[in-house]
PDB file of all heavy atoms in Angstrom:
ATOM      1  N   ARG A   1     100.618  91.413 121.874  1.00  0.00           N
ATOM      2  CA  ARG A   1     101.755  91.787 122.588  1.00  0.00           C
ATOM      3  C   ARG A   1     102.014  93.277 122.574  1.00  0.00           C
ATOM      4  O   ARG A   1     102.648  93.834 123.469  1.00  0.00           O
ATOM      5  CB  ARG A   1     103.020  91.051 122.068  1.00  0.00           C
ATOM      6  CG  ARG A   1     102.833  89.472 122.300  1.00  0.00           C
ATOM      7  CD  ARG A   1     104.220  88.847 121.911  1.00  0.00           C
ATOM      8  NE  ARG A   1     104.432  88.916 120.496  1.00  0.00           N
ATOM      9  CZ  ARG A   1     105.479  89.453 119.857  1.00  0.00           C
ATOM     10  NH1 ARG A   1     106.544  89.809 120.633  1.00  0.00           N
ATOM     11  NH2 ARG A   1     105.594  89.457 118.568  1.00  0.00           N
ATOM     12  N   PHE A   2     101.641  93.913 121.553  1.00  0.00           N
ATOM     13  CA  PHE A   2     101.901  95.316 121.332  1.00  0.00           C
ATOM     14  C   PHE A   2     100.606  96.150 121.439  1.00  0.00           C
ATOM     15  O   PHE A   2      99.526  95.711 121.205  1.00  0.00           O
ATOM     16  CB  PHE A   2     102.477  95.492 119.876  1.00  0.00           C
ATOM     17  CG  PHE A   2     103.757  94.774 119.599  1.00  0.00           C
ATOM     18  CD1 PHE A   2     104.329  94.924 118.368  1.00  0.00           C
ATOM     19  CD2 PHE A   2     104.451  94.116 120.607  1.00  0.00           C
ATOM     20  CE1 PHE A   2     105.560  94.287 118.055  1.00  0.00           C
ATOM     21  CE2 PHE A   2     105.554  93.443 120.330  1.00  0.00           C
ATOM     22  CZ  PHE A   2     106.135  93.542 119.084  1.00  0.00           C
ATOM     23  N   ILE A   3     100.869  97.381 121.917  1.00  0.00           N
ATOM     24  CA  ILE A   3      99.788  98.314 122.035  1.00  0.00           C
ATOM     25  C   ILE A   3     100.191  99.686 121.191  1.00  0.00           C
ATOM     26  O   ILE A   3     101.198 100.187 121.583  1.00  0.00           O
ATOM     27  CB  ILE A   3      99.335  98.611 123.522  1.00  0.00           C
ATOM     28  CG1 ILE A   3      99.036  97.333 124.184  1.00  0.00           C
ATOM     29  CG2 ILE A   3      98.330  99.669 123.560  1.00  0.00           C
ATOM     30  CD1 ILE A   3      98.854  97.488 125.684  1.00  0.00           C
ATOM     31  N   ILE A   4      99.308 100.140 120.473  1.00  0.00           N
ATOM     32  CA  ILE A   4      99.596 101.434 119.802  1.00  0.00           C
ATOM     33  C   ILE A   4      98.544 102.430 120.389  1.00  0.00           C
ATOM     34  O   ILE A   4      97.494 102.112 120.642  1.00  0.00           O
ATOM     35  CB  ILE A   4      99.425 101.393 118.225  1.00  0.00           C
ATOM     36  CG1 ILE A   4      99.919 102.675 117.637  1.00  0.00           C
ATOM     37  CG2 ILE A   4      98.058 101.115 117.796  1.00  0.00           C
ATOM     38  CD1 ILE A   4     100.279 102.493 116.135  1.00  0.00           C
ATOM     39  N   ILE A   5      99.114 103.684 120.572  1.00  0.00           N
ATOM     40  CA  ILE A   5      98.446 104.703 121.324  1.00  0.00           C
ATOM     41  C   ILE A   5      98.583 105.971 120.471  1.00  0.00           C
ATOM     42  O   ILE A   5      99.720 106.442 120.159  1.00  0.00           O
ATOM     43  CB  ILE A   5      98.784 104.901 122.708  1.00  0.00           C
ATOM     44  CG1 ILE A   5      98.600 103.673 123.508  1.00  0.00           C
ATOM     45  CG2 ILE A   5      98.023 106.007 123.433  1.00  0.00           C
ATOM     46  CD1 ILE A   5      99.198 103.694 124.918  1.00  0.00           C
ATOM     47  N   ARG A   6      97.505 106.680 120.221  1.00  0.00           N
ATOM     48  CA  ARG A   6      97.529 107.940 119.478  1.00  0.00           C
ATOM     49  C   ARG A   6      97.235 109.093 120.505  1.00  0.00           C
ATOM     50  O   ARG A   6      96.252 109.095 121.177  1.00  0.00           O
ATOM     51  CB  ARG A   6      96.493 107.885 118.353  1.00  0.00           C
ATOM     52  CG  ARG A   6      96.419 109.214 117.562  1.00  0.00           C
ATOM     53  CD  ARG A   6      97.626 109.415 116.694  1.00  0.00           C
ATOM     54  NE  ARG A   6      97.378 110.606 115.797  1.00  0.00           N
ATOM     55  CZ  ARG A   6      96.975 110.507 114.572  1.00  0.00           C
ATOM     56  NH1 ARG A   6      96.652 109.412 113.965  1.00  0.00           N
ATOM     57  NH2 ARG A   6      96.868 111.640 113.921  1.00  0.00           N
ATOM     58  N   GLU A   7      98.325 110.035 120.629  1.00  0.00           N
ATOM     59  CA  GLU A   7      98.096 111.098 121.535  1.00  0.00           C
ATOM     60  C   GLU A   7      97.780 112.329 120.593  1.00  0.00           C
ATOM     61  O   GLU A   7      98.633 112.691 119.670  1.00  0.00           O
ATOM     62  CB  GLU A   7      99.262 111.432 122.382  1.00  0.00           C
ATOM     63  CG  GLU A   7      99.496 110.308 123.359  1.00  0.00           C
ATOM     64  CD  GLU A   7     100.676 110.686 124.325  1.00  0.00           C
ATOM     65  OE1 GLU A   7     101.512 111.505 123.909  1.00  0.00           O
ATOM     66  OE2 GLU A   7     100.805 109.954 125.321  1.00  0.00           O
ATOM     67  N   HIS A   8      96.772 113.008 120.772  1.00  0.00           N
ATOM     68  CA  HIS A   8      96.152 113.955 119.796  1.00  0.00           C
ATOM     69  C   HIS A   8      96.702 115.309 119.939  1.00  0.00           C
ATOM     70  O   HIS A   8      96.824 116.149 118.969  1.00  0.00           O
ATOM     71  CB  HIS A   8      94.638 114.017 119.809  1.00  0.00           C
ATOM     72  CG  HIS A   8      93.985 112.740 119.476  1.00  0.00           C
ATOM     73  ND1 HIS A   8      93.840 112.333 118.115  1.00  0.00           N
ATOM     74  CD2 HIS A   8      93.385 111.777 120.229  1.00  0.00           C
ATOM     75  CE1 HIS A   8      93.271 111.155 118.144  1.00  0.00           C
ATOM     76  NE2 HIS A   8      92.973 110.863 119.367  1.00  0.00           N
ATOM     77  N   GLY A   9      97.267 115.644 121.039  1.00  0.00           N
ATOM     78  CA  GLY A   9      97.851 116.994 121.254  1.00  0.00           C
ATOM     79  C   GLY A   9      98.924 117.341 120.192  1.00  0.00           C
ATOM     80  O   GLY A   9      98.910 118.308 119.599  1.00  0.00           O
ATOM     81  N   GLU A  10     100.052 116.488 120.305  1.00  0.00           N
ATOM     82  CA  GLU A  10     101.107 116.658 119.256  1.00  0.00           C
ATOM     83  C   GLU A  10     101.124 115.651 118.280  1.00  0.00           C
ATOM     84  O   GLU A  10     102.108 115.413 117.563  1.00  0.00           O
ATOM     85  CB  GLU A  10     102.427 116.661 120.039  1.00  0.00           C
ATOM     86  CG  GLU A  10     102.592 117.851 121.119  1.00  0.00           C
ATOM     87  CD  GLU A  10     102.668 119.118 120.337  1.00  0.00           C
ATOM     88  OE1 GLU A  10     103.099 119.175 119.253  1.00  0.00           O
ATOM     89  OE2 GLU A  10     102.219 120.092 120.978  1.00  0.00           O
ATOM     90  N   ASN A  11     100.012 114.834 118.203  1.00  0.00           N
ATOM     91  CA  ASN A  11      99.832 113.721 117.111  1.00  0.00           C
ATOM     92  C   ASN A  11     100.941 112.656 117.393  1.00  0.00           C
ATOM     93  O   ASN A  11     101.314 112.034 116.490  1.00  0.00           O
ATOM     94  CB  ASN A  11      99.822 114.252 115.757  1.00  0.00           C
ATOM     95  CG  ASN A  11      98.540 114.936 115.474  1.00  0.00           C
ATOM     96  OD1 ASN A  11      97.508 114.269 115.420  1.00  0.00           O
ATOM     97  ND2 ASN A  11      98.602 116.270 115.235  1.00  0.00           N
ATOM     98  N   THR A  12     101.414 112.541 118.616  1.00  0.00           N
ATOM     99  CA  THR A  12     102.376 111.478 118.855  1.00  0.00           C
ATOM    100  C   THR A  12     101.770 110.081 118.740  1.00  0.00           C
ATOM    101  O   THR A  12     100.654 109.864 119.275  1.00  0.00           O
ATOM    102  CB  THR A  12     102.979 111.717 120.395  1.00  0.00           C
ATOM    103  OG1 THR A  12     103.733 112.870 120.314  1.00  0.00           O
ATOM    104  CG2 THR A  12     103.905 110.581 120.699  1.00  0.00           C
ATOM    105  N   VAL A  13     102.516 109.121 118.183  1.00  0.00           N
ATOM    106  CA  VAL A  13     102.022 107.644 118.230  1.00  0.00           C
ATOM    107  C   VAL A  13     103.075 107.031 119.029  1.00  0.00           C
ATOM    108  O   VAL A  13     104.241 106.954 118.788  1.00  0.00           O
ATOM    109  CB  VAL A  13     101.875 107.261 116.713  1.00  0.00           C
ATOM    110  CG1 VAL A  13     103.125 107.265 115.990  1.00  0.00           C
ATOM    111  CG2 VAL A  13     101.288 105.916 116.840  1.00  0.00           C
ATOM    112  N   ILE A  14     102.532 106.086 119.956  1.00  0.00           N
ATOM    113  CA  ILE A  14     103.294 105.375 120.867  1.00  0.00           C
ATOM    114  C   ILE A  14     103.133 103.914 120.632  1.00  0.00           C
ATOM    115  O   ILE A  14     101.926 103.494 120.480  1.00  0.00           O
ATOM    116  CB  ILE A  14     103.050 105.631 122.290  1.00  0.00           C
ATOM    117  CG1 ILE A  14     103.178 107.164 122.637  1.00  0.00           C
ATOM    118  CG2 ILE A  14     103.851 104.762 123.203  1.00  0.00           C
ATOM    119  CD1 ILE A  14     102.600 107.519 123.980  1.00  0.00           C
ATOM    120  N   LEU A  15     104.172 103.143 120.477  1.00  0.00           N
ATOM    121  CA  LEU A  15     104.041 101.699 120.393  1.00  0.00           C
ATOM    122  C   LEU A  15     104.726 101.000 121.537  1.00  0.00           C
ATOM    123  O   LEU A  15     105.860 101.131 121.783  1.00  0.00           O
ATOM    124  CB  LEU A  15     104.733 101.269 119.046  1.00  0.00           C
ATOM    125  CG  LEU A  15     104.720  99.756 118.778  1.00  0.00           C
ATOM    126  CD1 LEU A  15     103.261  99.306 118.386  1.00  0.00           C
ATOM    127  CD2 LEU A  15     105.557  99.357 117.627  1.00  0.00           C
ATOM    128  N   GLN A  16     103.874 100.432 122.362  1.00  0.00           N
ATOM    129  CA  GLN A  16     104.379  99.655 123.523  1.00  0.00           C
ATOM    130  C   GLN A  16     104.494  98.189 123.155  1.00  0.00           C
ATOM    131  O   GLN A  16     103.487  97.571 122.783  1.00  0.00           O
ATOM    132  CB  GLN A  16     103.386  99.860 124.676  1.00  0.00           C
ATOM    133  CG  GLN A  16     103.147 101.231 125.247  1.00  0.00           C
ATOM    134  CD  GLN A  16     102.229 101.327 126.336  1.00  0.00           C
ATOM    135  OE1 GLN A  16     101.517 100.300 126.636  1.00  0.00           O
ATOM    136  NE2 GLN A  16     102.186 102.425 127.033  1.00  0.00           N
ATOM    137  N   MET A  17     105.737  97.775 123.190  1.00  0.00           N
ATOM    138  CA  MET A  17     106.011  96.434 122.792  1.00  0.00           C
ATOM    139  C   MET A  17     106.311  95.476 124.053  1.00  0.00           C
ATOM    140  O   MET A  17     107.336  95.846 124.751  1.00  0.00           O
ATOM    141  CB  MET A  17     107.131  96.332 121.782  1.00  0.00           C
ATOM    142  CG  MET A  17     106.888  97.134 120.537  1.00  0.00           C
ATOM    143  SD  MET A  17     108.123  96.944 119.232  1.00  0.00           S
ATOM    144  CE  MET A  17     109.506  97.863 120.108  1.00  0.00           C
ATOM    145  N   ASN A  18     105.610  94.454 124.264  1.00  0.00           N
ATOM    146  CA  ASN A  18     105.748  93.668 125.382  1.00  0.00           C
ATOM    147  C   ASN A  18     106.058  92.169 124.975  1.00  0.00           C
ATOM    148  O   ASN A  18     105.788  91.867 123.790  1.00  0.00           O
ATOM    149  CB  ASN A  18     104.496  93.611 126.246  1.00  0.00           C
ATOM    150  CG  ASN A  18     104.127  94.982 126.672  1.00  0.00           C
ATOM    151  OD1 ASN A  18     104.901  95.740 127.348  1.00  0.00           O
ATOM    152  ND2 ASN A  18     102.807  95.308 126.357  1.00  0.00           N
ATOM    153  N   ASN A  19     106.760  91.444 125.821  1.00  0.00           N
ATOM    154  CA  ASN A  19     107.117  90.132 125.536  1.00  0.00           C
ATOM    155  C   ASN A  19     107.803  89.944 124.298  1.00  0.00           C
ATOM    156  O   ASN A  19     107.432  89.100 123.407  1.00  0.00           O
ATOM    157  CB  ASN A  19     105.771  89.118 125.682  1.00  0.00           C
ATOM    158  CG  ASN A  19     106.233  87.711 125.555  1.00  0.00           C
ATOM    159  OD1 ASN A  19     107.244  87.271 125.958  1.00  0.00           O
ATOM    160  ND2 ASN A  19     105.211  86.785 125.119  1.00  0.00           N
ATOM    161  N   LEU A  20     108.804  90.715 124.006  1.00  0.00           N
ATOM    162  CA  LEU A  20     109.652  90.758 122.862  1.00  0.00           C
ATOM    163  C   LEU A  20     110.282  89.472 122.598  1.00  0.00           C
ATOM    164  O   LEU A  20     110.833  88.754 123.501  1.00  0.00           O
ATOM    165  CB  LEU A  20     110.641  91.957 122.853  1.00  0.00           C
ATOM    166  CG  LEU A  20     109.879  93.212 122.626  1.00  0.00           C
ATOM    167  CD1 LEU A  20     110.791  94.444 123.000  1.00  0.00           C
ATOM    168  CD2 LEU A  20     109.508  93.420 121.084  1.00  0.00           C
ATOM    169  N   LYS A  21     110.313  89.105 121.340  1.00  0.00           N
ATOM    170  CA  LYS A  21     111.010  87.860 120.928  1.00  0.00           C
ATOM    171  C   LYS A  21     112.139  88.157 119.912  1.00  0.00           C
ATOM    172  O   LYS A  21     112.152  89.224 119.335  1.00  0.00           O
ATOM    173  CB  LYS A  21     109.986  86.993 120.306  1.00  0.00           C
ATOM    174  CG  LYS A  21     108.853  86.605 121.071  1.00  0.00           C
ATOM    175  CD  LYS A  21     107.750  85.778 120.286  1.00  0.00           C
ATOM    176  CE  LYS A  21     106.530  85.558 121.135  1.00  0.00           C
ATOM    177  NZ  LYS A  21     105.537  84.678 120.366  1.00  0.00           N
ATOM    178  N   PRO A  22     113.111  87.310 119.850  1.00  0.00           N
ATOM    179  CA  PRO A  22     114.193  87.497 118.975  1.00  0.00           C
ATOM    180  C   PRO A  22     113.702  87.861 117.515  1.00  0.00           C
ATOM    181  O   PRO A  22     114.381  88.720 116.726  1.00  0.00           O
ATOM    182  CB  PRO A  22     114.928  86.161 118.868  1.00  0.00           C
ATOM    183  CG  PRO A  22     114.801  85.580 120.342  1.00  0.00           C
ATOM    184  CD  PRO A  22     113.356  85.953 120.602  1.00  0.00           C
ATOM    185  N   GLU A  23     112.669  87.196 117.042  1.00  0.00           N
ATOM    186  CA  GLU A  23     112.138  87.560 115.711  1.00  0.00           C
ATOM    187  C   GLU A  23     111.614  88.959 115.583  1.00  0.00           C
ATOM    188  O   GLU A  23     111.305  89.348 114.475  1.00  0.00           O
ATOM    189  CB  GLU A  23     111.121  86.435 115.300  1.00  0.00           C
ATOM    190  CG  GLU A  23     110.025  86.288 116.290  1.00  0.00           C
ATOM    191  CD  GLU A  23     110.249  85.135 117.279  1.00  0.00           C
ATOM    192  OE1 GLU A  23     111.549  84.926 117.701  1.00  0.00           O
ATOM    193  OE2 GLU A  23     109.346  84.356 117.550  1.00  0.00           O
ATOM    194  N   ASP A  24     111.350  89.676 116.666  1.00  0.00           N
ATOM    195  CA  ASP A  24     110.982  91.010 116.640  1.00  0.00           C
ATOM    196  C   ASP A  24     112.060  91.978 116.349  1.00  0.00           C
ATOM    197  O   ASP A  24     111.804  93.176 116.134  1.00  0.00           O
ATOM    198  CB  ASP A  24     110.257  91.481 117.964  1.00  0.00           C
ATOM    199  CG  ASP A  24     108.985  90.691 118.330  1.00  0.00           C
ATOM    200  OD1 ASP A  24     108.195  90.497 117.303  1.00  0.00           O
ATOM    201  OD2 ASP A  24     108.794  90.270 119.396  1.00  0.00           O
ATOM    202  N   ALA A  25     113.377  91.514 116.344  1.00  0.00           N
ATOM    203  CA  ALA A  25     114.487  92.453 116.053  1.00  0.00           C
ATOM    204  C   ALA A  25     114.371  92.927 114.692  1.00  0.00           C
ATOM    205  O   ALA A  25     114.230  92.222 113.622  1.00  0.00           O
ATOM    206  CB  ALA A  25     115.792  91.709 116.263  1.00  0.00           C
ATOM    207  N   ALA A  26     114.316  94.248 114.514  1.00  0.00           N
ATOM    208  CA  ALA A  26     114.321  94.828 113.236  1.00  0.00           C
ATOM    209  C   ALA A  26     114.529  96.398 113.419  1.00  0.00           C
ATOM    210  O   ALA A  26     114.615  96.832 114.460  1.00  0.00           O
ATOM    211  CB  ALA A  26     112.930  94.706 112.585  1.00  0.00           C
ATOM    212  N   VAL A  27     114.669  97.071 112.272  1.00  0.00           N
ATOM    213  CA  VAL A  27     114.528  98.514 112.295  1.00  0.00           C
ATOM    214  C   VAL A  27     113.030  98.932 112.219  1.00  0.00           C
ATOM    215  O   VAL A  27     112.290  98.507 111.322  1.00  0.00           O
ATOM    216  CB  VAL A  27     115.301  99.217 111.162  1.00  0.00           C
ATOM    217  CG1 VAL A  27     115.173 100.575 111.120  1.00  0.00           C
ATOM    218  CG2 VAL A  27     116.811  98.786 111.227  1.00  0.00           C
ATOM    219  N   TYR A  28     112.626  99.639 113.110  1.00  0.00           N
ATOM    220  CA  TYR A  28     111.245 100.103 113.216  1.00  0.00           C
ATOM    221  C   TYR A  28     111.154 101.575 112.665  1.00  0.00           C
ATOM    222  O   TYR A  28     111.799 102.303 113.131  1.00  0.00           O
ATOM    223  CB  TYR A  28     110.689 100.021 114.647  1.00  0.00           C
ATOM    224  CG  TYR A  28     110.327  98.531 115.072  1.00  0.00           C
ATOM    225  CD1 TYR A  28     111.425  97.602 115.339  1.00  0.00           C
ATOM    226  CD2 TYR A  28     109.157  98.129 115.323  1.00  0.00           C
ATOM    227  CE1 TYR A  28     111.146  96.460 115.679  1.00  0.00           C
ATOM    228  CE2 TYR A  28     108.740  96.888 115.733  1.00  0.00           C
ATOM    229  CZ  TYR A  28     109.866  95.888 115.965  1.00  0.00           C
ATOM    230  OH  TYR A  28     109.548  94.711 116.235  1.00  0.00           O
ATOM    231  N   PHE A  29     110.183 101.589 111.785  1.00  0.00           N
ATOM    232  CA  PHE A  29     109.981 102.999 111.142  1.00  0.00           C
ATOM    233  C   PHE A  29     108.696 103.488 111.423  1.00  0.00           C
ATOM    234  O   PHE A  29     107.642 102.824 111.351  1.00  0.00           O
ATOM    235  CB  PHE A  29     110.103 102.884 109.526  1.00  0.00           C
ATOM    236  CG  PHE A  29     111.433 102.462 109.038  1.00  0.00           C
ATOM    237  CD1 PHE A  29     111.713 101.019 108.875  1.00  0.00           C
ATOM    238  CD2 PHE A  29     112.389 103.293 108.747  1.00  0.00           C
ATOM    239  CE1 PHE A  29     112.945 100.623 108.426  1.00  0.00           C
ATOM    240  CE2 PHE A  29     113.664 102.977 108.262  1.00  0.00           C
ATOM    241  CZ  PHE A  29     113.855 101.554 108.163  1.00  0.00           C
ATOM    242  N   CYS A  30     108.554 104.778 111.780  1.00  0.00           N
ATOM    243  CA  CYS A  30     107.405 105.478 112.071  1.00  0.00           C
ATOM    244  C   CYS A  30     106.845 105.887 110.600  1.00  0.00           C
ATOM    245  O   CYS A  30     107.600 106.350 109.797  1.00  0.00           O
ATOM    246  CB  CYS A  30     107.616 106.714 112.865  1.00  0.00           C
ATOM    247  SG  CYS A  30     106.071 107.672 113.159  1.00  0.00           S
ATOM    248  N   PHE A  31     105.437 105.832 110.504  1.00  0.00           N
ATOM    249  CA  PHE A  31     104.798 106.197 109.301  1.00  0.00           C
ATOM    250  C   PHE A  31     103.733 107.275 109.624  1.00  0.00           C
ATOM    251  O   PHE A  31     103.066 107.190 110.666  1.00  0.00           O
ATOM    252  CB  PHE A  31     104.129 105.085 108.669  1.00  0.00           C
ATOM    253  CG  PHE A  31     103.113 105.440 107.571  1.00  0.00           C
ATOM    254  CD1 PHE A  31     103.394 105.893 106.351  1.00  0.00           C
ATOM    255  CD2 PHE A  31     101.781 105.399 107.925  1.00  0.00           C
ATOM    256  CE1 PHE A  31     102.496 106.101 105.333  1.00  0.00           C
ATOM    257  CE2 PHE A  31     100.700 105.753 107.110  1.00  0.00           C
ATOM    258  CZ  PHE A  31     101.124 106.226 105.744  1.00  0.00           C
ATOM    259  N   GLY A  32     103.553 108.267 108.794  1.00  0.00           N
ATOM    260  CA  GLY A  32     102.601 109.296 108.929  1.00  0.00           C
ATOM    261  C   GLY A  32     102.031 109.861 107.614  1.00  0.00           C
ATOM    262  O   GLY A  32     102.878 110.044 106.707  1.00  0.00           O
ATOM    263  N   SER A  33     100.777 109.985 107.606  1.00  0.00           N
ATOM    264  CA  SER A  33     100.093 110.646 106.423  1.00  0.00           C
ATOM    265  C   SER A  33      99.801 112.073 106.895  1.00  0.00           C
ATOM    266  O   SER A  33      99.029 112.345 107.660  1.00  0.00           O
ATOM    267  CB  SER A  33      98.812 109.806 106.096  1.00  0.00           C
ATOM    268  OG  SER A  33      98.213 110.500 104.901  1.00  0.00           O
ATOM    269  N   LEU A  34     100.519 113.045 106.296  1.00  0.00           N
ATOM    270  CA  LEU A  34     100.540 114.495 106.677  1.00  0.00           C
ATOM    271  C   LEU A  34     100.097 115.390 105.686  1.00  0.00           C
ATOM    272  O   LEU A  34     100.517 115.184 104.483  1.00  0.00           O
ATOM    273  CB  LEU A  34     101.911 114.839 107.203  1.00  0.00           C
ATOM    274  CG  LEU A  34     102.667 113.893 108.126  1.00  0.00           C
ATOM    275  CD1 LEU A  34     104.007 114.493 108.508  1.00  0.00           C
ATOM    276  CD2 LEU A  34     101.909 113.746 109.490  1.00  0.00           C
ATOM    277  N   TRP A  35      99.260 116.334 106.059  1.00  0.00           N
ATOM    278  CA  TRP A  35      99.007 117.483 105.156  1.00  0.00           C
ATOM    279  C   TRP A  35      99.909 118.635 105.500  1.00  0.00           C
ATOM    280  O   TRP A  35      99.998 119.072 106.597  1.00  0.00           O
ATOM    281  CB  TRP A  35      97.605 117.985 105.395  1.00  0.00           C
ATOM    282  CG  TRP A  35      96.440 117.079 104.717  1.00  0.00           C
ATOM    283  CD1 TRP A  35      95.879 117.556 103.552  1.00  0.00           C
ATOM    284  CD2 TRP A  35      95.810 115.991 105.179  1.00  0.00           C
ATOM    285  NE1 TRP A  35      94.905 116.530 103.248  1.00  0.00           N
ATOM    286  CE2 TRP A  35      94.886 115.594 104.186  1.00  0.00           C
ATOM    287  CE3 TRP A  35      96.007 115.209 106.280  1.00  0.00           C
ATOM    288  CZ2 TRP A  35      94.013 114.490 104.425  1.00  0.00           C
ATOM    289  CZ3 TRP A  35      95.222 114.091 106.560  1.00  0.00           C
ATOM    290  CH2 TRP A  35      94.190 113.668 105.539  1.00  0.00           C
ATOM    291  N   VAL A  36     100.696 119.181 104.601  1.00  0.00           N
ATOM    292  CA  VAL A  36     101.577 120.309 104.836  1.00  0.00           C
ATOM    293  C   VAL A  36     100.941 121.617 104.246  1.00  0.00           C
ATOM    294  O   VAL A  36     101.424 122.670 104.401  1.00  0.00           O
ATOM    295  CB  VAL A  36     102.906 120.098 104.108  1.00  0.00           C
ATOM    296  CG1 VAL A  36     103.590 118.885 104.828  1.00  0.00           C
ATOM    297  CG2 VAL A  36     102.796 119.896 102.612  1.00  0.00           C
ATOM    298  N   HIS A  37      99.776 121.537 103.634  1.00  0.00           N
ATOM    299  CA  HIS A  37      98.974 122.650 103.159  1.00  0.00           C
ATOM    300  C   HIS A  37      97.574 122.382 103.547  1.00  0.00           C
ATOM    301  O   HIS A  37      97.094 121.296 103.835  1.00  0.00           O
ATOM    302  CB  HIS A  37      99.066 122.867 101.692  1.00  0.00           C
ATOM    303  CG  HIS A  37     100.430 123.011 101.219  1.00  0.00           C
ATOM    304  ND1 HIS A  37     101.137 124.151 101.443  1.00  0.00           N
ATOM    305  CD2 HIS A  37     101.277 122.287 100.532  1.00  0.00           C
ATOM    306  CE1 HIS A  37     102.384 124.082 100.807  1.00  0.00           C
ATOM    307  NE2 HIS A  37     102.405 122.910 100.350  1.00  0.00           N
ATOM    308  N   GLU A  38      96.765 123.528 103.653  1.00  0.00           N
ATOM    309  CA  GLU A  38      95.359 123.429 104.048  1.00  0.00           C
ATOM    310  C   GLU A  38      94.488 122.695 103.105  1.00  0.00           C
ATOM    311  O   GLU A  38      93.649 121.932 103.491  1.00  0.00           O
ATOM    312  CB  GLU A  38      94.799 124.863 104.054  1.00  0.00           C
ATOM    313  CG  GLU A  38      93.336 124.871 104.541  1.00  0.00           C
ATOM    314  CD  GLU A  38      92.801 126.361 104.682  1.00  0.00           C
ATOM    315  OE1 GLU A  38      93.483 127.229 104.445  1.00  0.00           O
ATOM    316  OE2 GLU A  38      91.626 126.493 104.965  1.00  0.00           O
TER     317      GLU A  38
END
C-alpha cells in the first residue's frame, strides 16, 4: 500500500500512503542517519 521514494538532490524521502486504514492512524516520524562532519 505504501511507496517510499528517495530524492537525492536534497535527500528528501517521500512516503506515499494509499488505501489508508483506521489502524494506520499514528504519529509518523522521519528518521535519518546523518553525517555532520567529514
